[in-house]
Amino acid sequence: MTYTRVIIPAFNEEGSIAKVIHDIPSHISEVIVVDNQSTDETFKQAESAGATVLYEGKMGYGHACLKGLSYLKELREPTDIVVFLDGDYSDYPEEMDKIMAPIIQDDIDLVIGARVKSKREPGSMTFPQIFGNWLATTLMRLFFDSRFTDLGPFRAIKYKKLLALNMEDKTYGWTVEMQLKALKQKLTYTEVDINYRNRIGESKVSGTVKGSVMAGVKILGWIFKYSFK
């Protein structure tokens, strides 16, 4: 039996979080929502939908993900695979089995859900997101001979491999840090094309100029940091 746990960082996602949880395949061992200082009913909605809900008082996507990992380390039950998923309903949680399949069937370490243009709903990714993904993955290809085409947050990774990455980013750089460290540690990886739709509610990163700039700076910072190591 494969024990899979899902970590969902969430900030003010009361309109979407229950939908996300309900669409996750029923065989998943546990769904963990990390409420990152929400001022709405995110915590209550997630709890009512059946998730384990944690509270992280320090703002930042990475802070929320690290809170989820701290929780996993305290469990007595095993964890084989960790899936990361956003709480805004832009991804299709029912595609989770497709993302995990390369790990279960082919022993791949890390799988990224790639938001390819042909499967994206019009308007679901902003220009800064599209350009940022292109720039980051192009630099990763040039510097590390990477085959990544996306920094998509919907992803699955073997739990033991994730622990070995010693993740540390507290904010916008979590996804690219994981991919860069996977390249450095020579983990096996692949991408799976996934569907992507317009999120429910406003994006806290790509929906603001400040968020887009800060995310871009953090992502490029990680890439150049590892380029000269």
C-alpha atoms as a PDB file:
ATOM      1  CA  MET A   1       0.000   0.000   0.000  1.00  0.00           C
ATOM      2  CA  THR A   2       1.225   3.499  -0.847  1.00  0.00           C
ATOM      3  CA  TYR A   3       0.618   6.180   1.774  1.00  0.00           C
ATOM      4  CA  THR A   4       0.095   9.558   0.157  1.00  0.00           C
ATOM      5  CA  ARG A   5      -0.484  12.837   1.935  1.00  0.00           C
ATOM      6  CA  VAL A   6      -1.484  16.117   0.339  1.00  0.00           C
ATOM      7  CA  ILE A   7      -0.302  19.509   1.594  1.00  0.00           C
ATOM      8  CA  ILE A   8      -2.374  22.536   0.563  1.00  0.00           C
ATOM      9  CA  PRO A   9      -1.128  25.990   1.590  1.00  0.00           C
ATOM     10  CA  ALA A  10      -4.123  28.306   1.804  1.00  0.00           C
ATOM     11  CA  PHE A  11      -4.656  32.015   2.380  1.00  0.00           C
ATOM     12  CA  ASN A  12      -8.230  33.335   2.151  1.00  0.00           C
ATOM     13  CA  GLU A  13      -9.582  30.494   0.010  1.00  0.00           C
ATOM     14  CA  GLU A  14     -13.000  30.088   1.638  1.00  0.00           C
ATOM     15  CA  GLY A  15     -14.743  29.988  -1.744  1.00  0.00           C
ATOM     16  CA  SER A  16     -12.615  27.203  -3.172  1.00  0.00           C
ATOM     17  CA  ILE A  17     -10.952  25.089  -0.504  1.00  0.00           C
ATOM     18  CA  ALA A  18     -13.897  22.711   0.041  1.00  0.00           C
ATOM     19  CA  LYS A  19     -14.141  22.103  -3.714  1.00  0.00           C
ATOM     20  CA  VAL A  20     -10.447  21.243  -3.839  1.00  0.00           C
ATOM     21  CA  ILE A  21     -10.717  18.803  -0.940  1.00  0.00           C
ATOM     22  CA  HIS A  22     -13.843  17.112  -2.282  1.00  0.00           C
ATOM     23  CA  ASP A  23     -12.215  16.467  -5.679  1.00  0.00           C
ATOM     24  CA  ILE A  24      -9.133  14.755  -4.253  1.00  0.00           C
ATOM     25  CA  PRO A  25      -9.251  10.967  -4.860  1.00  0.00           C
ATOM     26  CA  SER A  26     -10.738   9.144  -1.883  1.00  0.00           C
ATOM     27  CA  HIS A  27      -7.841   6.714  -1.507  1.00  0.00           C
ATOM     28  CA  ILE A  28      -5.425   9.500  -0.469  1.00  0.00           C
ATOM     29  CA  SER A  29      -4.280   8.849   3.097  1.00  0.00           C
ATOM     30  CA  GLU A  30      -4.678  12.412   4.410  1.00  0.00           C
ATOM     31  CA  VAL A  31      -5.337  15.930   3.170  1.00  0.00           C
ATOM     32  CA  ILE A  32      -3.536  18.645   5.140  1.00  0.00           C
ATOM     33  CA  VAL A  33      -4.545  22.269   4.696  1.00  0.00           C
ATOM     34  CA  VAL A  34      -2.191  24.863   6.161  1.00  0.00           C
ATOM     35  CA  ASP A  35      -4.109  28.054   6.871  1.00  0.00           C
ATOM     36  CA  ASN A  36      -1.605  30.880   6.382  1.00  0.00           C
ATOM     37  CA  GLN A  37      -3.199  33.718   8.381  1.00  0.00           C
ATOM     38  CA  SER A  38      -6.514  33.681   6.533  1.00  0.00           C
ATOM     39  CA  THR A  39      -8.980  36.376   7.573  1.00  0.00           C
ATOM     40  CA  ASP A  40     -11.994  34.535   6.162  1.00  0.00           C
ATOM     41  CA  GLU A  41     -13.573  31.121   6.760  1.00  0.00           C
ATOM     42  CA  THR A  42     -10.810  29.061   5.100  1.00  0.00           C
ATOM     43  CA  PHE A  43      -9.980  27.157   8.292  1.00  0.00           C
ATOM     44  CA  LYS A  44     -13.626  26.320   9.014  1.00  0.00           C
ATOM     45  CA  GLN A  45     -14.427  25.336   5.419  1.00  0.00           C
ATOM     46  CA  ALA A  46     -11.380  23.061   5.167  1.00  0.00           C
ATOM     47  CA  GLU A  47     -12.126  21.395   8.485  1.00  0.00           C
ATOM     48  CA  SER A  48     -15.773  20.826   7.542  1.00  0.00           C
ATOM     49  CA  ALA A  49     -14.659  19.246   4.260  1.00  0.00           C
ATOM     50  CA  GLY A  50     -12.649  16.632   6.172  1.00  0.00           C
ATOM     51  CA  ALA A  51      -9.098  17.948   6.008  1.00  0.00           C
ATOM     52  CA  THR A  52      -6.559  18.089   8.787  1.00  0.00           C
ATOM     53  CA  VAL A  53      -6.127  21.836   9.256  1.00  0.00           C
ATOM     54  CA  LEU A  54      -2.989  23.449  10.631  1.00  0.00           C
ATOM     55  CA  TYR A  55      -2.368  27.140  11.291  1.00  0.00           C
ATOM     56  CA  GLU A  56       0.832  28.899  10.231  1.00  0.00           C
ATOM     57  CA  GLY A  57       1.196  32.406  11.617  1.00  0.00           C
ATOM     58  CA  LYS A  58       4.147  33.437   9.459  1.00  0.00           C
ATOM     59  CA  MET A  59       3.050  34.617   6.036  1.00  0.00           C
ATOM     60  CA  GLY A  60       4.561  32.921   3.005  1.00  0.00           C
ATOM     61  CA  TYR A  61       3.963  29.942   0.736  1.00  0.00           C
ATOM     62  CA  GLY A  62       7.175  28.295   1.899  1.00  0.00           C
ATOM     63  CA  HIS A  63       6.312  28.829   5.557  1.00  0.00           C
ATOM     64  CA  ALA A  64       3.012  27.011   4.984  1.00  0.00           C
ATOM     65  CA  CYS A  65       4.669  24.117   3.155  1.00  0.00           C
ATOM     66  CA  LEU A  66       7.314  23.754   5.864  1.00  0.00           C
ATOM     67  CA  LYS A  67       4.557  23.685   8.489  1.00  0.00           C
ATOM     68  CA  GLY A  68       2.985  20.769   6.637  1.00  0.00           C
ATOM     69  CA  LEU A  69       6.312  18.932   6.526  1.00  0.00           C
ATOM     70  CA  SER A  70       6.824  19.465  10.261  1.00  0.00           C
ATOM     71  CA  TYR A  71       3.455  17.828  10.829  1.00  0.00           C
ATOM     72  CA  LEU A  72       4.408  14.815   8.685  1.00  0.00           C
ATOM     73  CA  LYS A  73       7.594  14.306  10.672  1.00  0.00           C
ATOM     74  CA  GLU A  74       5.560  13.910  13.865  1.00  0.00           C
ATOM     75  CA  LEU A  75       3.228  11.233  12.492  1.00  0.00           C
ATOM     76  CA  ARG A  76       3.557   7.634  13.561  1.00  0.00           C
ATOM     77  CA  GLU A  77       2.037   6.409  10.320  1.00  0.00           C
ATOM     78  CA  PRO A  78       4.347   6.248   7.271  1.00  0.00           C
ATOM     79  CA  THR A  79       4.294   8.655   4.356  1.00  0.00           C
ATOM     80  CA  ASP A  80       5.529   7.482   0.950  1.00  0.00           C
ATOM     81  CA  ILE A  81       4.479  10.305  -1.369  1.00  0.00           C
ATOM     82  CA  VAL A  82       3.749  13.975  -0.714  1.00  0.00           C
ATOM     83  CA  VAL A  83       1.569  15.923  -3.126  1.00  0.00           C
ATOM     84  CA  PHE A  84       1.519  19.729  -3.113  1.00  0.00           C
ATOM     85  CA  LEU A  85      -1.584  21.441  -4.426  1.00  0.00           C
ATOM     86  CA  ASP A  86      -2.897  25.006  -4.350  1.00  0.00           C
ATOM     87  CA  GLY A  87      -6.180  25.810  -2.635  1.00  0.00           C
ATOM     88  CA  ASP A  88      -7.640  28.058  -5.343  1.00  0.00           C
ATOM     89  CA  TYR A  89      -9.213  25.317  -7.529  1.00  0.00           C
ATOM     90  CA  SER A  90      -7.117  26.266 -10.574  1.00  0.00           C
ATOM     91  CA  ASP A  91      -5.761  22.721 -10.802  1.00  0.00           C
ATOM     92  CA  TYR A  92      -7.922  19.629 -11.156  1.00  0.00           C
ATOM     93  CA  PRO A  93      -7.418  17.573  -7.964  1.00  0.00           C
ATOM     94  CA  GLU A  94      -8.947  14.529  -9.664  1.00  0.00           C
ATOM     95  CA  GLU A  95      -5.802  14.400 -11.841  1.00  0.00           C
ATOM     96  CA  MET A  96      -3.721  13.531  -8.785  1.00  0.00           C
ATOM     97  CA  ASP A  97      -3.444   9.858  -9.711  1.00  0.00           C
ATOM     98  CA  LYS A  98      -2.008  10.870 -13.085  1.00  0.00           C
ATOM     99  CA  ILE A  99       0.653  12.951 -11.364  1.00  0.00           C
ATOM    100  CA  MET A 100       1.550  10.179  -8.930  1.00  0.00           C
ATOM    101  CA  ALA A 101       1.630   7.423 -11.567  1.00  0.00           C
ATOM    102  CA  PRO A 102       5.289   7.906 -12.630  1.00  0.00           C
ATOM    103  CA  ILE A 103       6.356   7.544  -8.996  1.00  0.00           C
ATOM    104  CA  ILE A 104       4.279   4.431  -8.352  1.00  0.00           C
ATOM    105  CA  GLN A 105       4.752   2.734 -11.710  1.00  0.00           C
ATOM    106  CA  ASP A 106       8.218   3.873 -12.814  1.00  0.00           C
ATOM    107  CA  ASP A 107       9.966   4.732  -9.541  1.00  0.00           C
ATOM    108  CA  ILE A 108      10.426   8.398 -10.529  1.00  0.00           C
ATOM    109  CA  ASP A 109      11.363  10.686  -7.627  1.00  0.00           C
ATOM    110  CA  LEU A 110       9.639  13.956  -8.584  1.00  0.00           C
ATOM    111  CA  VAL A 111       6.714  14.740 -10.893  1.00  0.00           C
ATOM    112  CA  ILE A 112       5.654  18.249 -11.905  1.00  0.00           C
ATOM    113  CA  GLY A 113       2.183  18.998 -13.234  1.00  0.00           C
ATOM    114  CA  ALA A 114       2.922  21.026 -16.373  1.00  0.00           C
ATOM    115  CA  ARG A 115       0.361  23.681 -17.280  1.00  0.00           C
ATOM    116  CA  VAL A 116       0.708  23.366 -21.052  1.00  0.00           C
ATOM    117  CA  LYS A 117      -0.973  25.944 -23.259  1.00  0.00           C
ATOM    118  CA  SER A 118      -3.268  23.435 -24.963  1.00  0.00           C
ATOM    119  CA  LYS A 119      -4.803  22.478 -21.609  1.00  0.00           C
ATOM    120  CA  ARG A 120      -5.019  25.933 -20.031  1.00  0.00           C
ATOM    121  CA  GLU A 121      -8.278  27.805 -19.820  1.00  0.00           C
ATOM    122  CA  PRO A 122      -7.971  31.261 -21.435  1.00  0.00           C
ATOM    123  CA  GLY A 123      -6.831  33.802 -18.862  1.00  0.00           C
ATOM    124  CA  SER A 124      -5.868  31.208 -16.248  1.00  0.00           C
ATOM    125  CA  MET A 125      -2.208  32.276 -16.313  1.00  0.00           C
ATOM    126  CA  THR A 126      -1.185  35.915 -16.429  1.00  0.00           C
ATOM    127  CA  PHE A 127       1.548  37.253 -18.698  1.00  0.00           C
ATOM    128  CA  PRO A 128       4.009  37.585 -15.763  1.00  0.00           C
ATOM    129  CA  GLN A 129       3.378  33.925 -14.897  1.00  0.00           C
ATOM    130  CA  ILE A 130       3.880  32.731 -18.463  1.00  0.00           C
ATOM    131  CA  PHE A 131       6.993  34.849 -18.997  1.00  0.00           C
ATOM    132  CA  GLY A 132       8.404  33.986 -15.582  1.00  0.00           C
ATOM    133  CA  ASN A 133       7.971  30.263 -16.196  1.00  0.00           C
ATOM    134  CA  TRP A 134       9.607  30.556 -19.609  1.00  0.00           C
ATOM    135  CA  LEU A 135      12.549  32.555 -18.276  1.00  0.00           C
ATOM    136  CA  ALA A 136      13.135  30.351 -15.235  1.00  0.00           C
ATOM    137  CA  THR A 137      12.929  27.058 -17.119  1.00  0.00           C
ATOM    138  CA  THR A 138      15.091  28.414 -19.951  1.00  0.00           C
ATOM    139  CA  LEU A 139      17.797  29.407 -17.466  1.00  0.00           C
ATOM    140  CA  MET A 140      17.519  26.025 -15.771  1.00  0.00           C
ATOM    141  CA  ARG A 141      17.996  24.351 -19.129  1.00  0.00           C
ATOM    142  CA  LEU A 142      21.047  26.490 -19.945  1.00  0.00           C
ATOM    143  CA  PHE A 143      22.719  26.176 -16.553  1.00  0.00           C
ATOM    144  CA  PHE A 144      21.703  22.656 -15.502  1.00  0.00           C
ATOM    145  CA  ASP A 145      20.637  20.893 -18.716  1.00  0.00           C
ATOM    146  CA  SER A 146      17.173  20.640 -17.194  1.00  0.00           C
ATOM    147  CA  ARG A 147      14.099  19.377 -19.032  1.00  0.00           C
ATOM    148  CA  PHE A 148      11.597  21.284 -16.870  1.00  0.00           C
ATOM    149  CA  THR A 149       9.073  23.427 -18.727  1.00  0.00           C
ATOM    150  CA  ASP A 150       7.038  24.682 -15.754  1.00  0.00           C
ATOM    151  CA  LEU A 151       7.276  25.617 -12.076  1.00  0.00           C
ATOM    152  CA  GLY A 152       3.736  24.410 -11.490  1.00  0.00           C
ATOM    153  CA  PRO A 153       2.735  24.024  -7.821  1.00  0.00           C
ATOM    154  CA  PHE A 154       0.746  20.797  -8.428  1.00  0.00           C
ATOM    155  CA  ARG A 155       3.462  18.188  -7.907  1.00  0.00           C
ATOM    156  CA  ALA A 156       4.284  14.888  -6.251  1.00  0.00           C
ATOM    157  CA  ILE A 157       7.539  13.735  -4.705  1.00  0.00           C
ATOM    158  CA  LYS A 158       8.765  10.747  -2.710  1.00  0.00           C
ATOM    159  CA  TYR A 159       8.699  11.747   0.943  1.00  0.00           C
ATOM    160  CA  LYS A 160      12.229  10.529   1.748  1.00  0.00           C
ATOM    161  CA  LYS A 161      13.622  12.375  -1.258  1.00  0.00           C
ATOM    162  CA  LEU A 162      11.803  15.519  -0.176  1.00  0.00           C
ATOM    163  CA  LEU A 163      13.353  15.351   3.284  1.00  0.00           C
ATOM    164  CA  ALA A 164      16.795  14.941   1.725  1.00  0.00           C
ATOM    165  CA  LEU A 165      16.341  18.203  -0.202  1.00  0.00           C
ATOM    166  CA  ASN A 166      16.383  20.108   3.102  1.00  0.00           C
ATOM    167  CA  MET A 167      13.915  22.695   1.840  1.00  0.00           C
ATOM    168  CA  GLU A 168      14.323  26.172   3.307  1.00  0.00           C
ATOM    169  CA  ASP A 169      12.603  28.872   1.230  1.00  0.00           C
ATOM    170  CA  LYS A 170       9.897  30.633   3.216  1.00  0.00           C
ATOM    171  CA  THR A 171       8.066  32.539   0.488  1.00  0.00           C
ATOM    172  CA  TYR A 172       7.833  32.575  -3.310  1.00  0.00           C
ATOM    173  CA  GLY A 173      10.861  30.427  -4.150  1.00  0.00           C
ATOM    174  CA  TRP A 174       9.621  27.094  -2.793  1.00  0.00           C
ATOM    175  CA  THR A 175       8.799  25.485  -6.145  1.00  0.00           C
ATOM    176  CA  VAL A 176      11.977  26.475  -7.954  1.00  0.00           C
ATOM    177  CA  GLU A 177      14.108  25.574  -4.923  1.00  0.00           C
ATOM    178  CA  MET A 178      12.679  22.058  -4.991  1.00  0.00           C
ATOM    179  CA  GLN A 179      13.406  21.661  -8.697  1.00  0.00           C
ATOM    180  CA  LEU A 180      16.928  23.083  -8.454  1.00  0.00           C
ATOM    181  CA  LYS A 181      17.824  20.865  -5.507  1.00  0.00           C
ATOM    182  CA  ALA A 182      16.346  17.864  -7.318  1.00  0.00           C
ATOM    183  CA  LEU A 183      18.683  18.622 -10.242  1.00  0.00           C
ATOM    184  CA  LYS A 184      21.672  19.074  -7.931  1.00  0.00           C
ATOM    185  CA  GLN A 185      20.961  15.787  -6.134  1.00  0.00           C
ATOM    186  CA  LYS A 186      20.319  14.055  -9.451  1.00  0.00           C
ATOM    187  CA  LEU A 187      16.824  12.927  -8.593  1.00  0.00           C
ATOM    188  CA  THR A 188      14.828  11.351 -11.376  1.00  0.00           C
ATOM    189  CA  TYR A 189      12.002  13.582 -12.556  1.00  0.00           C
ATOM    190  CA  THR A 190       9.375  14.031 -15.209  1.00  0.00           C
ATOM    191  CA  GLU A 191       6.428  16.247 -16.092  1.00  0.00           C
ATOM    192  CA  VAL A 192       2.814  15.333 -16.694  1.00  0.00           C
ATOM    193  CA  ASP A 193       0.568  17.609 -18.760  1.00  0.00           C
ATOM    194  CA  ILE A 194      -2.396  18.770 -16.690  1.00  0.00           C
ATOM    195  CA  ASN A 195      -5.500  20.868 -17.176  1.00  0.00           C
ATOM    196  CA  TYR A 196      -5.572  24.334 -15.664  1.00  0.00           C
ATOM    197  CA  ARG A 197      -8.489  26.739 -15.158  1.00  0.00           C
ATOM    198  CA  ASN A 198      -9.155  30.217 -13.840  1.00  0.00           C
ATOM    199  CA  ARG A 199      -8.799  30.257 -10.096  1.00  0.00           C
ATOM    200  CA  ILE A 200     -11.581  31.142  -7.675  1.00  0.00           C
ATOM    201  CA  GLY A 201     -10.793  34.510  -6.118  1.00  0.00           C
ATOM    202  CA  GLU A 202      -7.827  36.803  -6.678  1.00  0.00           C
ATOM    203  CA  SER A 203      -4.247  35.570  -6.853  1.00  0.00           C
ATOM    204  CA  LYS A 204      -2.055  36.749  -3.998  1.00  0.00           C
ATOM    205  CA  VAL A 205       1.061  36.600  -6.179  1.00  0.00           C
ATOM    206  CA  SER A 206       0.389  36.948  -9.910  1.00  0.00           C
ATOM    207  CA  GLY A 207      -2.665  39.102  -9.237  1.00  0.00           C
ATOM    208  CA  THR A 208      -0.563  41.988  -7.913  1.00  0.00           C
ATOM    209  CA  VAL A 209       2.414  43.878  -9.323  1.00  0.00           C
ATOM    210  CA  LYS A 210       4.292  43.605  -6.031  1.00  0.00           C
ATOM    211  CA  GLY A 211       3.644  39.859  -5.807  1.00  0.00           C
ATOM    212  CA  SER A 212       4.769  39.252  -9.374  1.00  0.00           C
ATOM    213  CA  VAL A 213       7.981  41.241  -8.913  1.00  0.00           C
ATOM    214  CA  MET A 214       8.814  39.634  -5.581  1.00  0.00           C
ATOM    215  CA  ALA A 215       8.194  36.151  -6.950  1.00  0.00           C
ATOM    216  CA  GLY A 216      10.351  36.864  -9.993  1.00  0.00           C
ATOM    217  CA  VAL A 217      13.215  38.191  -7.893  1.00  0.00           C
ATOM    218  CA  LYS A 218      13.092  35.193  -5.561  1.00  0.00           C
ATOM    219  CA  ILE A 219      12.956  32.646  -8.407  1.00  0.00           C
ATOM    220  CA  LEU A 220      15.865  34.221 -10.298  1.00  0.00           C
ATOM    221  CA  GLY A 221      17.798  34.530  -7.045  1.00  0.00           C
ATOM    222  CA  TRP A 222      17.577  30.784  -6.436  1.00  0.00           C
ATOM    223  CA  ILE A 223      18.629  29.983 -10.003  1.00  0.00           C
ATOM    224  CA  PHE A 224      21.700  32.215  -9.928  1.00  0.00           C
ATOM    225  CA  LYS A 225      22.602  31.068  -6.418  1.00  0.00           C
ATOM    226  CA  TYR A 226      22.767  27.461  -7.595  1.00  0.00           C
ATOM    227  CA  SER A 227      24.428  28.339 -10.886  1.00  0.00           C
ATOM    228  CA  PHE A 228      27.584  29.447  -9.110  1.00  0.00           C
ATOM    229  CA  LYS A 229      27.732  26.761  -6.436  1.00  0.00           C
END
